[in-house]
């Protein structure tokens, strides 16, 4: 088992896999001109989606929207902000705003483009299970060392105070589960956007190189994070891109992201604040 795994990870074997993906990428039903036009429009949509998410997801924008809404309906500017703060869920609803813009940018806008721009079904963009089960060992190869690393760094103060991003997650099981639902949903949206929409839309024009094109914006969304995590996003994106192409599914990548995210949050809580002890915060 170990020797076969080592042989499979050999660079020559990796290049063979890329060549196989490239041969399978050709679609005789799509002309070169149509493929090039589809790629250009896709990259334009990708740029618009990333721009919208980057500037709309922040809590400051959410509060500005609440102030505008208060004024528009004839209320004092801070009325809705104060009402939200009085619920005790101001931060959680702010995170919901963050998740909503990922849904809009990563899923809804691409869906409209796929349906009305390309005239195709969204289900064709990696939403099926495909051949995920045949590639499970490779997802485990990717996930296992990351989980070991998570356990090791969970003892660092900078890690345990940084995660979860929702700092009231330990207040109650409702807080923790609501946050994880928002957080994990974002990974579904992200995987669809990068490993479904971008790959499948660019594949007719770029073949296997669609994976490398996808890795560039995927790296760039990690720029606000520590340099080590951003650097790892290159290999992470490449590996998940290859697996998504071969399995024709995004769900293996979703499972890897979910496993890492939940383990990081739980490890940080266990090391600092502990898991919640009550179901409802009030």
Protein backbone atom coordinates (compact mmCIF):
# COMPACT_ATOMS: atom_id res chain seq x y z
CA UNK A 1 0.00 0.00 0.00
CA UNK A 2 2.76 2.46 0.99
CA UNK A 3 4.91 1.64 -2.03
CA UNK A 4 1.97 2.02 -4.43
CA UNK A 5 1.16 5.37 -2.85
CA UNK A 6 4.75 6.56 -3.26
CA UNK A 7 4.72 5.50 -6.93
CA UNK A 8 1.42 7.33 -7.46
CA UNK A 9 2.90 10.53 -5.99
CA UNK A 10 5.91 10.47 -8.32
CA UNK A 11 6.10 13.65 -10.44
CA UNK A 12 6.09 11.59 -13.63
CA UNK A 13 2.82 9.95 -12.55
CA UNK A 14 1.36 13.38 -11.78
CA UNK A 15 2.25 14.61 -15.26
CA UNK A 16 0.59 11.52 -16.74
CA UNK A 17 -2.58 12.34 -14.81
CA UNK A 18 -2.51 15.90 -16.17
CA UNK A 19 -2.07 14.61 -19.71
CA UNK A 20 -5.02 12.25 -19.26
CA UNK A 21 -7.21 15.08 -17.96
CA UNK A 22 -6.17 17.21 -20.94
CA UNK A 23 -7.14 14.49 -23.43
CA UNK A 24 -10.53 14.10 -21.77
CA UNK A 25 -11.16 17.85 -21.73
CA UNK A 26 -11.78 18.12 -25.45
CA UNK A 27 -15.47 18.43 -26.31
CA UNK A 28 -16.12 17.97 -30.07
CA UNK A 29 -19.53 19.64 -29.68
CA UNK A 30 -17.93 22.96 -28.71
CA UNK A 31 -16.07 24.85 -31.42
CA UNK A 32 -12.82 26.63 -30.67
CA UNK A 33 -14.48 30.00 -31.15
CA UNK A 34 -17.29 29.14 -28.74
CA UNK A 35 -14.84 27.76 -26.18
CA UNK A 36 -12.74 30.93 -26.33
CA UNK A 37 -15.81 33.17 -26.02
CA UNK A 38 -17.07 31.09 -23.09
CA UNK A 39 -13.70 31.36 -21.34
CA UNK A 40 -13.55 35.15 -21.80
CA UNK A 41 -17.07 35.65 -20.43
CA UNK A 42 -16.38 33.25 -17.55
CA UNK A 43 -13.27 35.15 -16.47
CA UNK A 44 -15.22 38.41 -16.60
CA UNK A 45 -17.96 36.91 -14.41
CA UNK A 46 -15.30 35.55 -12.01
CA UNK A 47 -13.75 39.02 -11.68
CA UNK A 48 -17.16 40.63 -11.00
CA UNK A 49 -18.09 37.98 -8.41
CA UNK A 50 -14.80 38.31 -6.52
CA UNK A 51 -15.07 42.10 -6.59
CA UNK A 52 -18.62 42.03 -5.17
CA UNK A 53 -17.73 39.56 -2.41
CA UNK A 54 -14.60 41.42 -1.38
CA UNK A 55 -16.28 44.78 -0.93
CA UNK A 56 -19.71 43.71 0.31
CA UNK A 57 -18.96 41.00 2.89
CA UNK A 58 -17.65 43.19 5.70
CA UNK A 59 -19.55 44.08 8.86
CA UNK A 60 -18.98 47.79 8.20
CA UNK A 61 -20.94 47.48 4.96
CA UNK A 62 -23.67 45.58 6.80
CA UNK A 63 -24.00 48.38 9.36
CA UNK A 64 -23.98 50.98 6.59
CA UNK A 65 -26.83 49.08 4.92
CA UNK A 66 -28.76 49.06 8.21
CA UNK A 67 -28.26 52.82 8.62
CA UNK A 68 -29.43 53.45 5.06
CA UNK A 69 -32.48 51.22 5.58
CA UNK A 70 -33.34 53.02 8.84
CA UNK A 71 -33.22 56.37 7.09
CA UNK A 72 -35.15 55.12 4.07
CA UNK A 73 -38.10 54.07 6.24
CA UNK A 74 -38.07 57.24 8.32
CA UNK A 75 -36.31 55.94 11.44
CA UNK A 76 -33.24 57.30 13.28
CA UNK A 77 -30.03 56.20 11.50
CA UNK A 78 -28.90 53.82 14.25
CA UNK A 79 -32.35 52.40 15.05
CA UNK A 80 -31.88 49.03 13.31
CA UNK A 81 -28.29 48.70 14.54
CA UNK A 82 -29.39 49.25 18.15
CA UNK A 83 -32.32 46.87 17.71
CA UNK A 84 -29.97 44.22 16.36
CA UNK A 85 -27.52 44.73 19.22
CA UNK A 86 -30.34 44.27 21.74
CA UNK A 87 -30.96 40.72 20.45
CA UNK A 88 -27.54 39.50 21.60
CA UNK A 89 -26.90 38.03 18.13
CA UNK A 90 -25.36 41.08 16.45
CA UNK A 91 -22.09 39.30 15.60
CA UNK A 92 -23.81 36.12 14.40
CA UNK A 93 -26.14 38.05 12.09
CA UNK A 94 -23.11 39.96 10.82
CA UNK A 95 -21.55 36.59 9.96
CA UNK A 96 -24.79 35.64 8.22
CA UNK A 97 -24.40 38.78 6.08
CA UNK A 98 -20.84 37.59 5.28
CA UNK A 99 -22.15 34.16 4.26
CA UNK A 100 -24.96 35.69 2.20
CA UNK A 101 -22.55 37.56 -0.04
CA UNK A 102 -20.55 34.39 -0.59
CA UNK A 103 -23.79 32.72 -1.67
CA UNK A 104 -24.53 35.58 -4.07
CA UNK A 105 -21.02 35.83 -5.51
CA UNK A 106 -20.01 32.18 -5.54
CA UNK A 107 -23.34 30.59 -6.50
CA UNK A 108 -26.24 32.84 -7.56
CA UNK A 109 -24.40 34.99 -10.12
CA UNK A 110 -22.58 31.98 -11.65
CA UNK A 111 -25.91 30.12 -11.74
CA UNK A 112 -27.51 32.92 -13.76
CA UNK A 113 -24.54 32.93 -16.12
CA UNK A 114 -24.60 29.13 -16.50
CA UNK A 115 -28.35 29.02 -17.08
CA UNK A 116 -28.83 32.04 -19.35
CA UNK A 117 -25.33 32.74 -20.67
CA UNK A 118 -24.17 29.20 -21.37
CA UNK A 119 -27.58 27.54 -21.60
CA UNK A 120 -26.47 24.65 -19.41
CA UNK A 121 -27.61 22.98 -16.19
CA UNK A 122 -25.93 23.90 -12.92
CA UNK A 123 -25.90 20.18 -12.04
CA UNK A 124 -23.25 19.69 -14.75
CA UNK A 125 -20.77 21.78 -12.80
CA UNK A 126 -19.64 19.26 -10.20
CA UNK A 127 -22.79 19.04 -8.08
CA UNK A 128 -23.17 15.30 -8.57
CA UNK A 129 -21.15 12.69 -6.69
CA UNK A 130 -19.37 11.62 -9.86
CA UNK A 131 -16.44 9.30 -9.09
CA UNK A 132 -15.64 10.72 -5.64
CA UNK A 133 -15.58 7.28 -4.01
CA UNK A 134 -12.86 6.13 -6.39
CA UNK A 135 -10.63 9.00 -5.23
CA UNK A 136 -11.36 8.93 -1.49
CA UNK A 137 -7.81 7.84 -0.61
CA UNK A 138 -6.42 10.96 -2.26
CA UNK A 139 -8.72 13.23 -0.32
CA UNK A 140 -7.56 11.44 2.84
CA UNK A 141 -3.93 11.91 1.77
CA UNK A 142 -4.65 15.63 1.53
CA UNK A 143 -6.67 15.86 4.75
CA UNK A 144 -4.59 13.72 7.15
CA UNK A 145 -1.39 15.84 7.38
CA UNK A 146 -3.48 19.00 7.72
CA UNK A 147 -5.38 17.52 10.68
CA UNK A 148 -2.09 16.52 12.33
CA UNK A 149 -0.82 20.07 11.81
CA UNK A 150 -4.05 21.48 13.32
CA UNK A 151 -3.55 19.41 16.48
CA UNK A 152 0.05 20.57 16.82
CA UNK A 153 -0.65 24.30 16.36
CA UNK A 154 -3.79 24.22 18.51
CA UNK A 155 -1.51 24.66 21.55
CA UNK A 156 -0.31 28.04 20.30
CA UNK A 157 -2.01 31.08 21.81
CA UNK A 158 -2.29 32.86 18.46
CA UNK A 159 -4.20 29.89 17.04
CA UNK A 160 -6.54 29.29 19.96
CA UNK A 161 -7.49 32.97 20.22
CA UNK A 162 -8.04 33.32 16.46
CA UNK A 163 -10.49 30.44 15.97
CA UNK A 164 -13.44 30.20 15.75
CA UNK A 165 -13.90 33.46 13.84
CA UNK A 166 -17.22 33.86 15.66
CA UNK A 167 -15.91 34.56 19.14
CA UNK A 168 -19.18 33.75 20.90
CA UNK A 169 -19.20 30.19 19.58
CA UNK A 170 -18.59 28.80 23.06
CA UNK A 171 -21.55 30.69 24.55
CA UNK A 172 -24.07 27.97 23.64
CA UNK A 173 -24.59 25.03 21.33
CA UNK A 174 -26.96 27.21 19.31
CA UNK A 175 -24.18 29.74 18.73
CA UNK A 176 -21.66 27.06 17.79
CA UNK A 177 -23.99 25.12 15.47
CA UNK A 178 -25.37 28.26 13.82
CA UNK A 179 -21.84 29.52 13.19
CA UNK A 180 -20.66 26.18 11.79
CA UNK A 181 -23.68 26.07 9.46
CA UNK A 182 -22.77 29.50 8.08
CA UNK A 183 -19.06 28.66 7.93
CA UNK A 184 -19.45 25.26 6.27
CA UNK A 185 -22.02 26.55 3.79
CA UNK A 186 -19.43 29.04 2.64
CA UNK A 187 -17.11 26.14 1.74
CA UNK A 188 -19.83 24.55 -0.38
CA UNK A 189 -20.24 27.87 -2.21
CA UNK A 190 -16.46 28.26 -2.58
CA UNK A 191 -15.90 24.75 -3.92
CA UNK A 192 -18.69 25.16 -6.45
CA UNK A 193 -17.22 28.45 -7.65
CA UNK A 194 -13.58 27.37 -7.97
CA UNK A 195 -13.71 23.61 -8.57
CA UNK A 196 -17.08 23.51 -10.34
CA UNK A 197 -17.94 26.72 -12.19
CA UNK A 198 -14.45 27.93 -13.11
CA UNK A 199 -13.00 24.54 -14.04
CA UNK A 200 -15.93 23.33 -16.11
CA UNK A 201 -16.39 26.66 -17.89
CA UNK A 202 -12.71 27.04 -18.79
CA UNK A 203 -12.01 23.39 -19.61
CA UNK A 204 -13.13 23.53 -23.29
CA UNK A 205 -10.71 26.38 -24.03
CA UNK A 206 -7.81 25.66 -21.68
CA UNK A 207 -7.98 21.92 -21.09
CA UNK A 208 -6.02 20.86 -18.02
CA UNK A 209 -4.57 24.38 -17.75
CA UNK A 210 -7.97 25.46 -16.42
CA UNK A 211 -6.73 24.05 -13.09
CA UNK A 212 -3.75 26.40 -13.04
CA UNK A 213 -5.88 29.38 -14.08
CA UNK A 214 -8.30 28.58 -11.23
CA UNK A 215 -5.42 28.45 -8.74
CA UNK A 216 -4.56 32.13 -9.28
CA UNK A 217 -7.79 33.69 -7.94
CA UNK A 218 -7.96 30.91 -5.33
CA UNK A 219 -4.54 31.97 -4.07
CA UNK A 220 -5.52 35.64 -4.11
CA UNK A 221 -8.51 35.21 -1.80
CA UNK A 222 -5.99 33.89 0.76
CA UNK A 223 -3.80 37.02 0.68
CA UNK A 224 -5.36 38.50 3.88
CA UNK A 225 -4.33 35.32 5.73
CA UNK A 226 -0.84 34.39 7.07
CA UNK A 227 1.76 33.85 4.34
CA UNK A 228 2.14 30.15 5.13
CA UNK A 229 -1.57 29.51 4.63
CA UNK A 230 -1.59 31.55 1.42
CA UNK A 231 1.40 29.60 0.10
CA UNK A 232 -0.29 26.32 0.93
CA UNK A 233 -3.36 27.44 -1.02
CA UNK A 234 -1.38 26.99 -4.25
CA UNK A 235 -0.78 23.28 -3.70
CA UNK A 236 -4.15 22.83 -2.01
CA UNK A 237 -5.96 24.41 -4.96
CA UNK A 238 -3.92 22.42 -7.46
CA UNK A 239 -4.56 19.09 -5.72
CA UNK A 240 -8.29 19.77 -5.28
CA UNK A 241 -8.52 20.97 -8.89
CA UNK A 242 -7.01 17.75 -10.22
CA UNK A 243 -9.30 15.64 -8.03
CA UNK A 244 -12.36 17.66 -9.04
CA UNK A 245 -11.50 17.19 -12.71
CA UNK A 246 -10.99 13.46 -12.29
CA UNK A 247 -13.99 12.82 -10.03
CA UNK A 248 -16.29 15.33 -11.80
CA UNK A 249 -17.50 16.45 -8.38
CA UNK A 250 -16.89 19.21 -5.84
CA UNK A 251 -18.00 17.18 -2.80
CA UNK A 252 -14.63 15.66 -1.97
CA UNK A 253 -13.19 19.17 -1.72
CA UNK A 254 -16.15 20.25 0.42
CA UNK A 255 -15.49 17.34 2.79
CA UNK A 256 -11.79 18.24 3.08
CA UNK A 257 -12.56 21.89 3.80
CA UNK A 258 -15.28 20.98 6.29
CA UNK A 259 -13.01 18.53 8.10
CA UNK A 260 -10.24 21.11 8.44
CA UNK A 261 -12.58 23.96 9.46
CA UNK A 262 -14.49 22.04 12.13
CA UNK A 263 -11.33 20.47 13.57
CA UNK A 264 -9.69 23.91 13.85
CA UNK A 265 -12.69 25.40 15.63
CA UNK A 266 -13.12 22.47 18.01
CA UNK A 267 -9.39 22.27 18.78
CA UNK A 268 -9.27 25.99 19.56
CA UNK A 269 -12.35 25.83 21.80
CA UNK A 270 -11.07 22.81 23.71
CA UNK A 271 -7.73 24.55 24.36
CA UNK A 272 -9.25 27.83 25.57
CA UNK A 273 -12.91 28.45 26.31
CA UNK A 274 -14.13 24.86 26.21
CA UNK A 275 -17.16 23.49 24.41
CA UNK A 276 -20.57 25.02 25.19
CA UNK A 277 -22.37 23.79 28.32
CA UNK A 278 -25.88 25.01 27.49
CA UNK A 279 -28.11 24.89 24.42
CA UNK A 280 -29.42 28.49 24.40
CA UNK A 281 -27.35 31.56 25.33
CA UNK A 282 -30.04 33.34 27.40
